Protein backbone atom coordinates (compact mmCIF):
# COMPACT_ATOMS: atom_id res chain seq x y z
CA UNK A 1 -11.82 4.71 -9.52
CA UNK A 2 -11.72 1.10 -8.60
CA UNK A 3 -15.10 -0.59 -8.35
CA UNK A 4 -14.15 -3.91 -6.68
CA UNK A 5 -12.11 -3.38 -3.56
CA UNK A 6 -9.34 -5.84 -2.86
CA UNK A 7 -7.35 -3.96 -0.20
CA UNK A 8 -8.64 -4.65 3.30
CA UNK A 9 -11.83 -5.66 4.93
CA UNK A 10 -10.44 -6.07 8.44
CA UNK A 11 -8.78 -3.87 10.99
CA UNK A 12 -6.30 -6.71 11.66
CA UNK A 13 -5.09 -6.51 8.06
CA UNK A 14 -4.49 -2.81 8.44
CA UNK A 15 -2.73 -3.22 11.77
CA UNK A 16 -0.16 -5.44 10.09
CA UNK A 17 1.26 -2.32 8.43
CA UNK A 18 3.62 0.08 10.17
CA UNK A 19 1.32 2.92 11.31
CA UNK A 20 3.49 5.72 9.96
CA UNK A 21 4.00 4.00 6.59
CA UNK A 22 0.24 3.49 6.29
CA UNK A 23 -0.49 7.05 7.32
CA UNK A 24 2.07 8.49 4.84
CA UNK A 25 0.58 6.36 2.08
CA UNK A 26 -2.99 7.39 2.80
CA UNK A 27 -1.90 11.06 2.93
CA UNK A 28 -1.02 10.77 -0.78
CA UNK A 29 -4.77 10.72 -1.44
CA UNK A 30 -5.80 13.90 0.36
CA UNK A 31 -9.03 14.46 -1.62
CA UNK A 32 -10.27 10.94 -0.99
CA UNK A 33 -9.27 10.96 2.70
CA UNK A 34 -10.83 14.40 3.33
CA UNK A 35 -14.03 13.55 1.44
CA UNK A 36 -14.57 10.62 3.81
CA UNK A 37 -13.88 12.65 6.95
CA UNK A 38 -10.67 10.77 7.82
CA UNK A 39 -8.18 12.88 9.76
CA UNK A 40 -4.60 11.50 9.76
CA UNK A 41 -2.32 12.31 12.68
CA UNK A 42 1.06 13.75 11.82
CA UNK A 43 2.84 11.12 13.87
CA UNK A 44 0.93 7.86 13.59
CA UNK A 45 0.96 5.22 16.30
CA UNK A 46 -1.12 2.05 16.68
CA UNK A 47 -3.24 3.91 19.26
CA UNK A 48 -4.05 7.09 17.30
CA UNK A 49 -4.37 5.97 13.65
CA UNK A 50 -8.07 5.04 13.76
CA UNK A 51 -7.95 1.72 11.94
CA UNK A 52 -11.72 1.21 12.09
CA UNK A 53 -12.35 4.50 10.32
CA UNK A 54 -9.61 3.73 7.75
CA UNK A 55 -11.25 0.34 7.08
CA UNK A 56 -14.61 2.02 6.59
CA UNK A 57 -13.11 4.59 4.24
CA UNK A 58 -11.42 1.84 2.19
CA UNK A 59 -14.51 -0.35 2.03
CA UNK A 60 -17.27 2.16 1.32
CA UNK A 61 -17.77 3.61 -2.12
CA UNK A 62 -15.13 3.89 -4.76
CA UNK A 63 -11.48 4.32 -3.94
CA UNK A 64 -8.61 5.44 -6.18
CA UNK A 65 -7.24 2.55 -8.21
CA UNK A 66 -3.61 3.19 -7.10
CA UNK A 67 -4.72 3.07 -3.46
CA UNK A 68 -6.44 -0.25 -3.93
CA UNK A 69 -3.62 -1.74 -6.04
CA UNK A 70 -0.82 -0.81 -3.70
CA UNK A 71 -2.57 -1.97 -0.54
CA UNK A 72 -3.66 -5.22 -2.22
CA UNK A 73 -0.41 -6.05 -3.92
CA UNK A 74 1.74 -5.13 -0.92
CA UNK A 75 -0.18 -7.85 0.92
CA UNK A 76 0.33 -10.43 -1.81
CA UNK A 77 4.01 -9.55 -2.21
CA UNK A 78 4.63 -9.76 1.52
CA UNK A 79 7.42 -12.37 1.26
CA UNK A 80 11.10 -12.55 0.33
CA UNK A 81 10.02 -13.92 -3.07
CA UNK A 82 7.54 -11.05 -3.51
CA UNK A 83 10.18 -8.49 -2.61
CA UNK A 84 12.55 -10.08 -5.17
CA UNK A 85 9.80 -9.57 -7.80
CA UNK A 86 9.51 -5.92 -6.84
CA UNK A 87 13.30 -5.56 -7.07
CA UNK A 88 13.27 -7.19 -10.50
CA UNK A 89 10.46 -4.89 -11.68
CA UNK A 90 12.24 -1.82 -10.33
CA UNK A 91 15.47 -2.85 -12.05
CA UNK A 92 13.66 -3.33 -15.37
CA UNK A 93 12.10 0.12 -14.94
CA UNK A 94 15.44 1.63 -13.82
CA UNK A 95 13.93 2.73 -10.53
CA UNK A 96 15.74 2.97 -7.23
CA UNK A 97 14.17 1.21 -4.30
CA UNK A 98 14.52 2.29 -0.67
CA UNK A 99 17.01 0.30 1.37
CA UNK A 100 15.47 -2.47 3.40
CA UNK A 101 15.09 -1.21 6.97
CA UNK A 102 15.00 -3.79 9.79
CA UNK A 103 11.94 -2.21 11.47
CA UNK A 104 9.80 -2.82 8.41
CA UNK A 105 8.43 -6.04 7.00
CA UNK A 106 8.15 -6.79 3.31
CA UNK A 107 4.64 -5.36 3.20
CA UNK A 108 5.85 -1.98 4.44
CA UNK A 109 8.84 -2.06 2.14
CA UNK A 110 6.53 -2.68 -0.80
CA UNK A 111 4.44 0.35 0.14
CA UNK A 112 7.59 2.43 0.67
CA UNK A 113 8.87 1.37 -2.77
CA UNK A 114 5.65 2.52 -4.40
CA UNK A 115 5.55 5.85 -2.62
CA UNK A 116 9.28 6.62 -2.59
CA UNK A 117 9.21 8.81 -5.67
CA UNK A 118 5.49 9.64 -5.79
CA UNK A 119 3.83 10.03 -8.18
CA UNK A 120 6.50 8.57 -10.45
CA UNK A 121 6.50 5.19 -8.74
CA UNK A 122 2.75 4.93 -8.22
CA UNK A 123 2.50 2.35 -10.97
CA UNK A 124 5.30 0.16 -9.55
CA UNK A 125 2.67 -1.87 -7.71
CA UNK A 126 -0.18 -2.27 -10.16
CA UNK A 127 -2.06 -5.36 -11.16
CA UNK A 128 -0.91 -5.50 -14.77
CA UNK A 129 2.76 -5.68 -13.65
CA UNK A 130 2.19 -8.64 -11.32
CA UNK A 131 -0.47 -10.63 -13.18
CA UNK A 132 1.66 -13.76 -13.25
CA UNK A 133 2.22 -13.46 -9.53
CA UNK A 134 -1.50 -13.14 -8.92
CA UNK A 135 -2.16 -16.35 -10.85
CA UNK A 136 0.66 -18.43 -9.38
CA UNK A 137 0.93 -19.08 -5.60
CA UNK A 138 4.03 -17.84 -3.77
């Protein structure tokens, strides 16, 4: 479990994600979600996702390291340059990335890349892989 949260402290940060992508990602952590009383709708919209509750769940107590890493790094890699780094890492790992879809921004695509072949890709976005990116500005 992660002890220092880096993911989100604001509802605005969470709202910058596509609601269904965020919902599908959170659903990969059913024990954590259920233990915090968070109920995820099957079809997520900006109006029914409960961003305040999600923020509370992410900011209180420990959260799974993969959850924290993916939310945090998807934010940092939310640029064309960041996506190129994800592509390079996937190529080195011989992983297939989802095709870029026009309705999604880079942050959503980063999350989709990490969850595409879950749990195989769960380490695609982890701190040790992008340490240099974390040190150098975009």
